[in-house]
Amino acid sequence: MTKTLLETADELLARANNELCKPEEDVVHYSVCQNAYDAIVNYLGSFLLDNDVEFEKTSNVEDLLSNCRSIDKRFNELNLAPLYNPTKSEDTWMSLNTANSFTAMAENTRKMVREE
């Protein structure tokens, strides 16, 4: 199951990054943010499963990260605070800066989980 979560997370992150490769006026920011957010949930979930900790796919990022931090203090370096209470409205997720920020957080999460 962990491998499947990692593969899914990598696919979601790739989708987010591919969307950002389009001309700026064609980028669907909401799609980038949603894919990056879902990738982060999958990365954190795969780490927890690798460490025999069950999690719900509906868990919020704050709880997932807290559980990861209790296992490995390196996760204290990972700042995902902007994702703790995301409002998935078009207004919030409709900027290129937000899209870039979400993908950067997903990349950092990927690096943290893959370094294991």
C-alpha atoms as a PDB file:
ATOM      1  CA  MET A   1       0.000   0.000   0.000  1.00  0.00           C
ATOM      2  CA  THR A   2       2.872   2.375   0.782  1.00  0.00           C
ATOM      3  CA  LYS A   3       4.285   1.991  -2.704  1.00  0.00           C
ATOM      4  CA  THR A   4       0.887   2.767  -4.172  1.00  0.00           C
ATOM      5  CA  LEU A   5       0.599   5.913  -2.047  1.00  0.00           C
ATOM      6  CA  LEU A   6       4.072   7.058  -3.100  1.00  0.00           C
ATOM      7  CA  GLU A   7       3.313   6.385  -6.754  1.00  0.00           C
ATOM      8  CA  THR A   8       0.029   8.257  -6.470  1.00  0.00           C
ATOM      9  CA  ALA A   9       1.748  11.156  -4.726  1.00  0.00           C
ATOM     10  CA  ASP A  10       4.429  11.310  -7.429  1.00  0.00           C
ATOM     11  CA  GLU A  11       1.743  11.297 -10.136  1.00  0.00           C
ATOM     12  CA  LEU A  12      -0.203  14.084  -8.423  1.00  0.00           C
ATOM     13  CA  LEU A  13       2.920  16.192  -8.014  1.00  0.00           C
ATOM     14  CA  ALA A  14       3.840  15.590 -11.654  1.00  0.00           C
ATOM     15  CA  ARG A  15       0.366  16.765 -12.706  1.00  0.00           C
ATOM     16  CA  ALA A  16       0.767  19.906 -10.635  1.00  0.00           C
ATOM     17  CA  ASN A  17       4.192  20.618 -12.121  1.00  0.00           C
ATOM     18  CA  ASN A  18       3.012  19.856 -15.667  1.00  0.00           C
ATOM     19  CA  GLU A  19       0.181  22.325 -15.245  1.00  0.00           C
ATOM     20  CA  LEU A  20       2.711  24.980 -14.226  1.00  0.00           C
ATOM     21  CA  CYS A  21       4.658  24.360 -17.460  1.00  0.00           C
ATOM     22  CA  LYS A  22       1.815  25.836 -19.486  1.00  0.00           C
ATOM     23  CA  PRO A  23       1.784  29.509 -20.457  1.00  0.00           C
ATOM     24  CA  GLU A  24       0.753  31.521 -17.395  1.00  0.00           C
ATOM     25  CA  GLU A  25      -2.633  32.461 -18.829  1.00  0.00           C
ATOM     26  CA  ASP A  26      -3.466  28.768 -19.389  1.00  0.00           C
ATOM     27  CA  VAL A  27      -2.505  27.501 -15.921  1.00  0.00           C
ATOM     28  CA  VAL A  28      -5.431  26.232 -13.858  1.00  0.00           C
ATOM     29  CA  HIS A  29      -4.212  27.322 -10.429  1.00  0.00           C
ATOM     30  CA  TYR A  30      -6.910  25.459  -8.544  1.00  0.00           C
ATOM     31  CA  SER A  31      -5.867  22.198 -10.205  1.00  0.00           C
ATOM     32  CA  VAL A  32      -2.219  22.778  -9.296  1.00  0.00           C
ATOM     33  CA  CYS A  33      -3.106  23.455  -5.660  1.00  0.00           C
ATOM     34  CA  GLN A  34      -5.454  20.483  -5.356  1.00  0.00           C
ATOM     35  CA  ASN A  35      -2.949  18.068  -6.891  1.00  0.00           C
ATOM     36  CA  ALA A  36      -0.105  19.370  -4.711  1.00  0.00           C
ATOM     37  CA  TYR A  37      -2.266  19.185  -1.576  1.00  0.00           C
ATOM     38  CA  ASP A  38      -3.331  15.622  -2.355  1.00  0.00           C
ATOM     39  CA  ALA A  39       0.293  14.672  -3.079  1.00  0.00           C
ATOM     40  CA  ILE A  40       1.324  15.946   0.351  1.00  0.00           C
ATOM     41  CA  VAL A  41      -1.400  13.899   2.065  1.00  0.00           C
ATOM     42  CA  ASN A  42      -0.232  10.805   0.190  1.00  0.00           C
ATOM     43  CA  TYR A  43       3.463  11.410   0.979  1.00  0.00           C
ATOM     44  CA  LEU A  44       2.779  11.877   4.679  1.00  0.00           C
ATOM     45  CA  GLY A  45       0.422   8.898   4.711  1.00  0.00           C
ATOM     46  CA  SER A  46       3.007   6.659   3.083  1.00  0.00           C
ATOM     47  CA  PHE A  47       5.562   7.648   5.708  1.00  0.00           C
ATOM     48  CA  LEU A  48       3.111   6.805   8.465  1.00  0.00           C
ATOM     49  CA  LEU A  49       2.252   3.446   6.924  1.00  0.00           C
ATOM     50  CA  ASP A  50       5.967   2.659   6.569  1.00  0.00           C
ATOM     51  CA  ASN A  51       6.143   3.196  10.318  1.00  0.00           C
ATOM     52  CA  ASP A  52       3.106   1.030  11.066  1.00  0.00           C
ATOM     53  CA  VAL A  53       0.837   3.969  11.852  1.00  0.00           C
ATOM     54  CA  GLU A  54      -2.659   3.822  10.391  1.00  0.00           C
ATOM     55  CA  PHE A  55      -4.162   7.007   9.011  1.00  0.00           C
ATOM     56  CA  GLU A  56      -7.338   8.143   7.341  1.00  0.00           C
ATOM     57  CA  LYS A  57      -7.086   9.626   3.860  1.00  0.00           C
ATOM     58  CA  THR A  58      -9.489  12.253   5.156  1.00  0.00           C
ATOM     59  CA  SER A  59      -7.047  13.312   7.899  1.00  0.00           C
ATOM     60  CA  ASN A  60      -5.935  16.901   7.758  1.00  0.00           C
ATOM     61  CA  VAL A  61      -2.355  17.830   6.940  1.00  0.00           C
ATOM     62  CA  GLU A  62      -1.720  19.242  10.415  1.00  0.00           C
ATOM     63  CA  ASP A  63      -2.567  15.917  12.091  1.00  0.00           C
ATOM     64  CA  LEU A  64      -0.598  13.892   9.556  1.00  0.00           C
ATOM     65  CA  LEU A  65       2.462  16.095   9.971  1.00  0.00           C
ATOM     66  CA  SER A  66       2.166  15.965  13.757  1.00  0.00           C
ATOM     67  CA  ASN A  67       2.155  12.167  13.608  1.00  0.00           C
ATOM     68  CA  CYS A  68       5.190  12.188  11.309  1.00  0.00           C
ATOM     69  CA  ARG A  69       6.997  14.554  13.682  1.00  0.00           C
ATOM     70  CA  SER A  70       6.375  12.211  16.598  1.00  0.00           C
ATOM     71  CA  ILE A  71       8.174   9.476  14.647  1.00  0.00           C
ATOM     72  CA  ASP A  72      10.992  11.522  13.102  1.00  0.00           C
ATOM     73  CA  LYS A  73      12.053  14.940  14.377  1.00  0.00           C
ATOM     74  CA  ARG A  74      13.357  15.858  10.917  1.00  0.00           C
ATOM     75  CA  PHE A  75       9.747  16.598  10.023  1.00  0.00           C
ATOM     76  CA  ASN A  76       9.970  19.639  12.337  1.00  0.00           C
ATOM     77  CA  GLU A  77      11.851  21.287   9.470  1.00  0.00           C
ATOM     78  CA  LEU A  78       8.849  20.901   7.176  1.00  0.00           C
ATOM     79  CA  ASN A  79       6.547  23.929   7.185  1.00  0.00           C
ATOM     80  CA  LEU A  80       3.089  23.076   5.914  1.00  0.00           C
ATOM     81  CA  ALA A  81       1.205  25.626   8.015  1.00  0.00           C
ATOM     82  CA  PRO A  82      -0.421  27.296   4.976  1.00  0.00           C
ATOM     83  CA  LEU A  83      -2.199  23.989   4.352  1.00  0.00           C
ATOM     84  CA  TYR A  84      -3.626  23.490   7.842  1.00  0.00           C
ATOM     85  CA  ASN A  85      -6.944  25.158   7.169  1.00  0.00           C
ATOM     86  CA  PRO A  86      -7.118  25.577   3.435  1.00  0.00           C
ATOM     87  CA  THR A  87     -10.196  27.207   2.082  1.00  0.00           C
ATOM     88  CA  LYS A  88     -10.605  25.529  -1.250  1.00  0.00           C
ATOM     89  CA  SER A  89     -12.352  28.460  -2.810  1.00  0.00           C
ATOM     90  CA  GLU A  90     -11.455  29.739  -6.204  1.00  0.00           C
ATOM     91  CA  ASP A  91     -10.458  33.078  -4.677  1.00  0.00           C
ATOM     92  CA  THR A  92      -7.831  31.529  -2.422  1.00  0.00           C
ATOM     93  CA  TRP A  93      -6.413  28.998  -4.851  1.00  0.00           C
ATOM     94  CA  MET A  94      -6.496  31.170  -7.966  1.00  0.00           C
ATOM     95  CA  SER A  95      -3.066  32.742  -7.929  1.00  0.00           C
ATOM     96  CA  LEU A  96       0.198  31.681  -9.459  1.00  0.00           C
ATOM     97  CA  ASN A  97       2.008  32.481  -6.193  1.00  0.00           C
ATOM     98  CA  THR A  98      -0.247  30.106  -4.270  1.00  0.00           C
ATOM     99  CA  ALA A  99       0.185  27.404  -6.905  1.00  0.00           C
ATOM    100  CA  ASN A 100       3.974  27.742  -6.772  1.00  0.00           C
ATOM    101  CA  SER A 101       3.894  27.704  -2.971  1.00  0.00           C
ATOM    102  CA  PHE A 102       1.805  24.518  -2.884  1.00  0.00           C
ATOM    103  CA  THR A 103       4.078  22.706  -5.324  1.00  0.00           C
ATOM    104  CA  ALA A 104       7.158  23.791  -3.351  1.00  0.00           C
ATOM    105  CA  MET A 105       5.618  22.371  -0.162  1.00  0.00           C
ATOM    106  CA  ALA A 106       4.824  19.135  -2.009  1.00  0.00           C
ATOM    107  CA  GLU A 107       8.403  18.916  -3.309  1.00  0.00           C
ATOM    108  CA  ASN A 108       9.788  19.471   0.197  1.00  0.00           C
ATOM    109  CA  THR A 109       7.466  16.811   1.592  1.00  0.00           C
ATOM    110  CA  ARG A 110       8.522  14.404  -1.141  1.00  0.00           C
ATOM    111  CA  LYS A 111      12.210  14.955  -0.344  1.00  0.00           C
ATOM    112  CA  MET A 112      11.610  14.416   3.354  1.00  0.00           C
ATOM    113  CA  VAL A 113       9.694  11.175   2.842  1.00  0.00           C
ATOM    114  CA  ARG A 114      11.941   9.803   0.099  1.00  0.00           C
ATOM    115  CA  GLU A 115      15.107  10.349   2.200  1.00  0.00           C
ATOM    116  CA  GLU A 116      14.055   7.551   4.491  1.00  0.00           C
END
